[in-house]
Each structure stands twice: as structure tokens, then as C-alpha cells.
C-alpha atoms as a PDB file:
ATOM      1  CA  MET A   1     -23.743  46.366  42.327  1.00  0.00           C
ATOM      2  CA  LYS A   2     -21.121  43.645  42.761  1.00  0.00           C
ATOM      3  CA  HIS A   3     -23.395  41.140  41.003  1.00  0.00           C
ATOM      4  CA  LYS A   4     -23.735  43.414  37.929  1.00  0.00           C
ATOM      5  CA  LEU A   5     -19.965  43.852  37.726  1.00  0.00           C
ATOM      6  CA  ILE A   6     -19.374  40.076  37.808  1.00  0.00           C
ATOM      7  CA  ARG A   7     -22.081  39.507  35.185  1.00  0.00           C
ATOM      8  CA  THR A   8     -20.537  42.147  32.904  1.00  0.00           C
ATOM      9  CA  PHE A   9     -17.102  40.551  33.299  1.00  0.00           C
ATOM     10  CA  GLN A  10     -18.543  37.110  32.466  1.00  0.00           C
ATOM     11  CA  LEU A  11     -20.219  38.409  29.299  1.00  0.00           C
ATOM     12  CA  ALA A  12     -17.025  40.166  28.195  1.00  0.00           C
ATOM     13  CA  ALA A  13     -14.961  37.019  28.768  1.00  0.00           C
ATOM     14  CA  LEU A  14     -17.485  34.879  26.867  1.00  0.00           C
ATOM     15  CA  SER A  15     -17.461  37.345  23.968  1.00  0.00           C
ATOM     16  CA  CYS A  16     -13.649  37.163  23.803  1.00  0.00           C
ATOM     17  CA  VAL A  17     -13.705  33.359  23.738  1.00  0.00           C
ATOM     18  CA  ILE A  18     -16.303  33.271  20.969  1.00  0.00           C
ATOM     19  CA  ALA A  19     -14.383  35.829  18.900  1.00  0.00           C
ATOM     20  CA  ALA A  20     -11.110  33.937  19.368  1.00  0.00           C
ATOM     21  CA  THR A  21     -12.603  30.638  18.183  1.00  0.00           C
ATOM     22  CA  MET A  22     -14.090  32.274  15.103  1.00  0.00           C
ATOM     23  CA  VAL A  23     -10.810  33.941  14.127  1.00  0.00           C
ATOM     24  CA  ALA A  24      -8.380  31.169  15.118  1.00  0.00           C
ATOM     25  CA  GLN A  25      -6.578  29.364  12.333  1.00  0.00           C
ATOM     26  CA  PRO A  26      -5.987  25.619  12.451  1.00  0.00           C
ATOM     27  CA  VAL A  27      -2.674  24.706  14.072  1.00  0.00           C
ATOM     28  CA  ALA A  28      -1.627  22.312  11.323  1.00  0.00           C
ATOM     29  CA  ALA A  29      -2.880  21.906   7.787  1.00  0.00           C
ATOM     30  CA  ALA A  30      -4.635  18.666   6.952  1.00  0.00           C
ATOM     31  CA  SER A  31      -2.322  15.979   5.613  1.00  0.00           C
ATOM     32  CA  ALA A  32      -2.273  15.500   1.841  1.00  0.00           C
ATOM     33  CA  CYS A  33      -2.375  11.760   2.549  1.00  0.00           C
ATOM     34  CA  LYS A  34      -5.487  11.814   4.715  1.00  0.00           C
ATOM     35  CA  GLY A  35      -8.379   9.924   3.166  1.00  0.00           C
ATOM     36  CA  LEU A  36      -6.473   8.538   0.176  1.00  0.00           C
ATOM     37  CA  GLU A  37      -7.320   5.078  -1.108  1.00  0.00           C
ATOM     38  CA  ARG A  38      -4.567   2.437  -1.028  1.00  0.00           C
ATOM     39  CA  MET A  39      -3.444   2.765  -4.665  1.00  0.00           C
ATOM     40  CA  ALA A  40      -3.310   6.574  -4.520  1.00  0.00           C
ATOM     41  CA  CYS A  41      -1.473   6.425  -1.198  1.00  0.00           C
ATOM     42  CA  GLU A  42       1.165   4.003  -2.484  1.00  0.00           C
ATOM     43  CA  ALA A  43       1.646   6.132  -5.613  1.00  0.00           C
ATOM     44  CA  ASN A  44       2.368   9.252  -3.530  1.00  0.00           C
ATOM     45  CA  LYS A  45       6.030   9.449  -2.466  1.00  0.00           C
ATOM     46  CA  ASN A  46       5.119  11.489   0.632  1.00  0.00           C
ATOM     47  CA  CYS A  47       2.681   8.876   1.974  1.00  0.00           C
ATOM     48  CA  ARG A  48       2.714   5.313   3.255  1.00  0.00           C
ATOM     49  CA  TRP A  49      -0.094   2.767   3.677  1.00  0.00           C
ATOM     50  CA  LEU A  50      -0.615   1.303   7.145  1.00  0.00           C
ATOM     51  CA  SER A  51      -2.432  -2.012   7.443  1.00  0.00           C
ATOM     52  CA  GLY A  52      -5.146  -2.359  10.050  1.00  0.00           C
ATOM     53  CA  TYR A  53      -4.224  -3.601  13.508  1.00  0.00           C
ATOM     54  CA  THR A  54      -5.557  -4.051  17.041  1.00  0.00           C
ATOM     55  CA  ARG A  55      -4.169  -1.828  19.799  1.00  0.00           C
ATOM     56  CA  LYS A  56      -3.262  -3.162  23.249  1.00  0.00           C
ATOM     57  CA  ASP A  57      -6.496  -1.767  24.641  1.00  0.00           C
ATOM     58  CA  GLY A  58      -8.496  -3.825  22.104  1.00  0.00           C
ATOM     59  CA  VAL A  59      -9.478  -0.980  19.769  1.00  0.00           C
ATOM     60  CA  GLN A  60      -9.477  -1.976  16.084  1.00  0.00           C
ATOM     61  CA  VAL A  61      -7.620   0.492  13.851  1.00  0.00           C
ATOM     62  CA  SER A  62      -8.544   0.221  10.184  1.00  0.00           C
ATOM     63  CA  SER A  63      -6.041   0.488   7.327  1.00  0.00           C
ATOM     64  CA  HIS A  64      -5.233   4.053   6.359  1.00  0.00           C
ATOM     65  CA  CYS A  65      -2.815   6.320   4.534  1.00  0.00           C
ATOM     66  CA  ARG A  66      -0.321   8.330   6.559  1.00  0.00           C
ATOM     67  CA  SER A  67       2.211  10.996   5.635  1.00  0.00           C
ATOM     68  CA  LEU A  68       5.898  10.200   5.999  1.00  0.00           C
ATOM     69  CA  PRO A  69       7.818  12.054   8.708  1.00  0.00           C
ATOM     70  CA  LYS A  70       9.399  15.262   7.509  1.00  0.00           C
ATOM     71  CA  LYS A  71      13.187  15.416   7.547  1.00  0.00           C
ATOM     72  CA  SER A  72      14.621  18.563   8.984  1.00  0.00           C
ATOM     73  CA  ALA A  73      17.051  20.605   6.909  1.00  0.00           C
ATOM     74  CA  SER A  74      19.786  20.127   9.494  1.00  0.00           C
ATOM     75  CA  THR A  75      19.450  16.317   9.318  1.00  0.00           C
ATOM     76  CA  ALA A  76      19.679  16.337   5.529  1.00  0.00           C
ATOM     77  CA  ALA A  77      22.702  18.659   5.600  1.00  0.00           C
ATOM     78  CA  LYS A  78      24.423  16.533   8.233  1.00  0.00           C
ATOM     79  CA  LYS A  79      23.947  13.326   6.209  1.00  0.00           C
ATOM     80  CA  ALA A  80      25.199  15.023   3.052  1.00  0.00           C
ATOM     81  CA  SER A  81      28.358  16.229   4.798  1.00  0.00           C
ATOM     82  CA  GLU A  82      29.262  12.846   6.328  1.00  0.00           C
ATOM     83  CA  PRO A  83      32.067  11.157   4.408  1.00  0.00           C
ATOM     84  CA  LYS A  84      31.279   7.775   2.934  1.00  0.00           C
ATOM     85  CA  THR A  85      33.650   5.071   4.146  1.00  0.00           C
ATOM     86  CA  ALA A  86      34.230   1.544   2.943  1.00  0.00           C
ATOM     87  CA  GLY A  87      32.495   0.099   6.012  1.00  0.00           C
ATOM     88  CA  ALA A  88      29.530   2.471   5.884  1.00  0.00           C
ATOM     89  CA  SER A  89      27.181  -0.200   4.604  1.00  0.00           C
ATOM     90  CA  ARG A  90      27.983  -2.587   7.454  1.00  0.00           C
ATOM     91  CA  SER A  91      25.735  -2.620  10.485  1.00  0.00           C
ATOM     92  CA  THR A  92      26.950  -1.469  13.881  1.00  0.00           C
ATOM     93  CA  LYS A  93      26.613  -5.028  15.222  1.00  0.00           C
ATOM     94  CA  GLU A  94      28.790  -6.331  12.422  1.00  0.00           C
ATOM     95  CA  GLN A  95      31.411  -3.631  13.020  1.00  0.00           C
ATOM     96  CA  THR A  96      31.461  -4.406  16.769  1.00  0.00           C
ATOM     97  CA  ARG A  97      31.818  -8.140  16.139  1.00  0.00           C
ATOM     98  CA  THR A  98      34.688  -7.556  13.680  1.00  0.00           C
ATOM     99  CA  ALA A  99      36.455  -5.269  16.167  1.00  0.00           C
ATOM    100  CA  LYS A 100      36.128  -7.853  18.966  1.00  0.00           C
ATOM    101  CA  GLN A 101      37.498 -10.589  16.706  1.00  0.00           C
ATOM    102  CA  ALA A 102      40.455  -8.430  15.738  1.00  0.00           C
ATOM    103  CA  ALA A 103      41.172  -7.606  19.396  1.00  0.00           C
ATOM    104  CA  SER A 104      41.037 -11.247  20.454  1.00  0.00           C
ATOM    105  CA  THR A 105      43.318 -12.270  17.553  1.00  0.00           C
ATOM    106  CA  ALA A 106      45.841  -9.588  18.513  1.00  0.00           C
ATOM    107  CA  ARG A 107      46.002 -10.862  22.107  1.00  0.00           C
ATOM    108  CA  THR A 108      46.666 -14.501  21.157  1.00  0.00           C
ATOM    109  CA  PRO A 109      50.384 -15.328  20.725  1.00  0.00           C
END
């Protein structure tokens, strides 16, 4: 009796798994850049071409087209709301160096 109950449970569980895999939708849609040739990839503003390379573990990765990372709406809104300043184009290193120079000049009599 116990054996029949376990067997019935196993068949029901297997049926649920099979049904779920048949109905399940893919998690993410395939990239529009996947499989594009180099010229088509470079012409698409949402894609970028990656040259082939060798990974640390020795696996050769061939050249391929990849989609650009998506910018979130909050990032775009934040950048749009930031005020542009005269020193905005200067790098952080350059700004730090200028600030240090100004501080050292102010200390010297």
C-alpha cells in the first residue's frame, strides 16, 4: 500500500515538472545583437563588436556582437538633472591635483 502511494506521488510530481517546462516562457528575450555579422553589429546603435580573446583558463572566445548595457530611467533622469559646471569636463584626478596645488600655495607665505 505504501509503495503504491509513493509511486503515485512520483508520477504526479513528474507530470507537474513536464507540464511546467512545456508552459514556461523564456526568462529573457534573445538579444537583437546575437548572431550579427561585424558590419551589421557596428551599424546598430544598441550593439557593440567584441574582438576575440583568450580567457585566463585558456578558453578561446571568438569575436562576437553584444548588446550595450541598458540605462535605467533613474540614471538618465539623474544625469539630466545634474547642473553642468565649468569644471565638469575635467577628470577627478585633475580636480584633486588642482585642489592640492591651491592648498599648498595658500599655506606658503
